Amino acid sequence: RADSKQRTYQRKDLETLLQIKRLLYEERMTIEGARLRLKEKKSKRSTVSYPFVQEIRGELHEILEILR
């Protein structure tokens, strides 16, 4: 919340809200169907693996070990 006690939303939250609205009203999906569609989309994004991310993660683990 902002200092004025008014809620503020991140861009990601608003995009999700608009996507839900589109699924429910334009594609005429049920709430459960929209929930499943969003869950599928999220799992597809999280399964994408970028090699450089794995490499950086490994390097960060090495740095952590050195610092310990």
Protein backbone atom coordinates (compact mmCIF):
# COMPACT_ATOMS: atom_id res chain seq x y z
CA ARG A 1 0.00 0.00 0.00
CA ALA A 2 1.06 3.53 -0.61
CA ASP A 3 1.41 6.10 2.16
CA SER A 4 -2.09 7.32 1.33
CA LYS A 5 -3.45 3.85 2.27
CA GLN A 6 -4.36 3.28 -1.37
CA ARG A 7 -3.39 -0.02 -2.95
CA THR A 8 -0.79 -0.01 -5.67
CA TYR A 9 -0.39 -2.87 -8.11
CA GLN A 10 2.57 -4.00 -10.15
CA ARG A 11 2.32 -4.15 -13.93
CA LYS A 12 2.50 -7.97 -13.79
CA ASP A 13 -0.57 -8.08 -11.53
CA LEU A 14 -2.57 -5.87 -13.88
CA GLU A 15 -1.55 -7.97 -16.90
CA THR A 16 -2.71 -11.11 -15.08
CA LEU A 17 -6.01 -9.46 -14.22
CA LEU A 18 -6.59 -8.43 -17.84
CA GLN A 19 -5.71 -11.94 -18.99
CA ILE A 20 -8.26 -13.42 -16.57
CA LYS A 21 -10.89 -10.96 -17.80
CA ARG A 22 -10.16 -11.96 -21.42
CA LEU A 23 -10.40 -15.68 -20.62
CA LEU A 24 -13.68 -15.29 -18.76
CA TYR A 25 -15.51 -12.79 -20.94
CA GLU A 26 -14.06 -13.07 -24.43
CA GLU A 27 -13.24 -16.78 -24.50
CA ARG A 28 -16.23 -17.62 -22.25
CA MET A 29 -14.20 -19.94 -20.03
CA THR A 30 -15.24 -21.03 -16.57
CA ILE A 31 -13.24 -19.84 -13.58
CA GLU A 32 -11.75 -23.31 -13.24
CA GLY A 33 -10.85 -23.39 -16.93
CA ALA A 34 -9.17 -19.99 -16.69
CA ARG A 35 -7.30 -21.13 -13.60
CA LEU A 36 -6.01 -24.20 -15.43
CA ARG A 37 -5.00 -22.14 -18.48
CA LEU A 38 -3.00 -19.73 -16.30
CA LYS A 39 -1.39 -22.63 -14.47
CA GLU A 40 -0.38 -24.28 -17.79
CA LYS A 41 1.09 -21.05 -19.07
CA LYS A 42 3.06 -20.56 -15.86
CA SER A 43 4.46 -24.11 -15.93
CA LYS A 44 5.54 -23.71 -19.57
CA ARG A 45 7.48 -20.56 -18.66
CA SER A 46 9.19 -22.19 -15.70
CA THR A 47 10.31 -25.26 -17.67
CA VAL A 48 12.22 -23.20 -20.22
CA SER A 49 15.87 -23.62 -19.32
CA TYR A 50 18.52 -21.22 -20.45
CA PRO A 51 22.07 -22.62 -20.42
CA PHE A 52 23.62 -19.36 -19.27
CA VAL A 53 21.29 -19.27 -16.25
CA GLN A 54 22.55 -22.69 -15.18
CA GLU A 55 26.13 -21.54 -15.67
CA ILE A 56 25.61 -18.38 -13.62
CA ARG A 57 23.85 -20.36 -10.91
CA GLY A 58 26.84 -22.70 -10.69
CA GLU A 59 29.25 -19.78 -10.46
CA LEU A 60 27.16 -18.19 -7.71
CA HIS A 61 27.24 -21.44 -5.73
CA GLU A 62 31.04 -21.50 -6.09
CA ILE A 63 31.26 -17.92 -4.82
CA LEU A 64 29.03 -18.82 -1.87
CA GLU A 65 31.30 -21.72 -0.97
CA ILE A 66 34.35 -19.44 -1.10
CA LEU A 67 32.65 -16.90 1.17
CA ARG A 68 31.70 -19.52 3.74
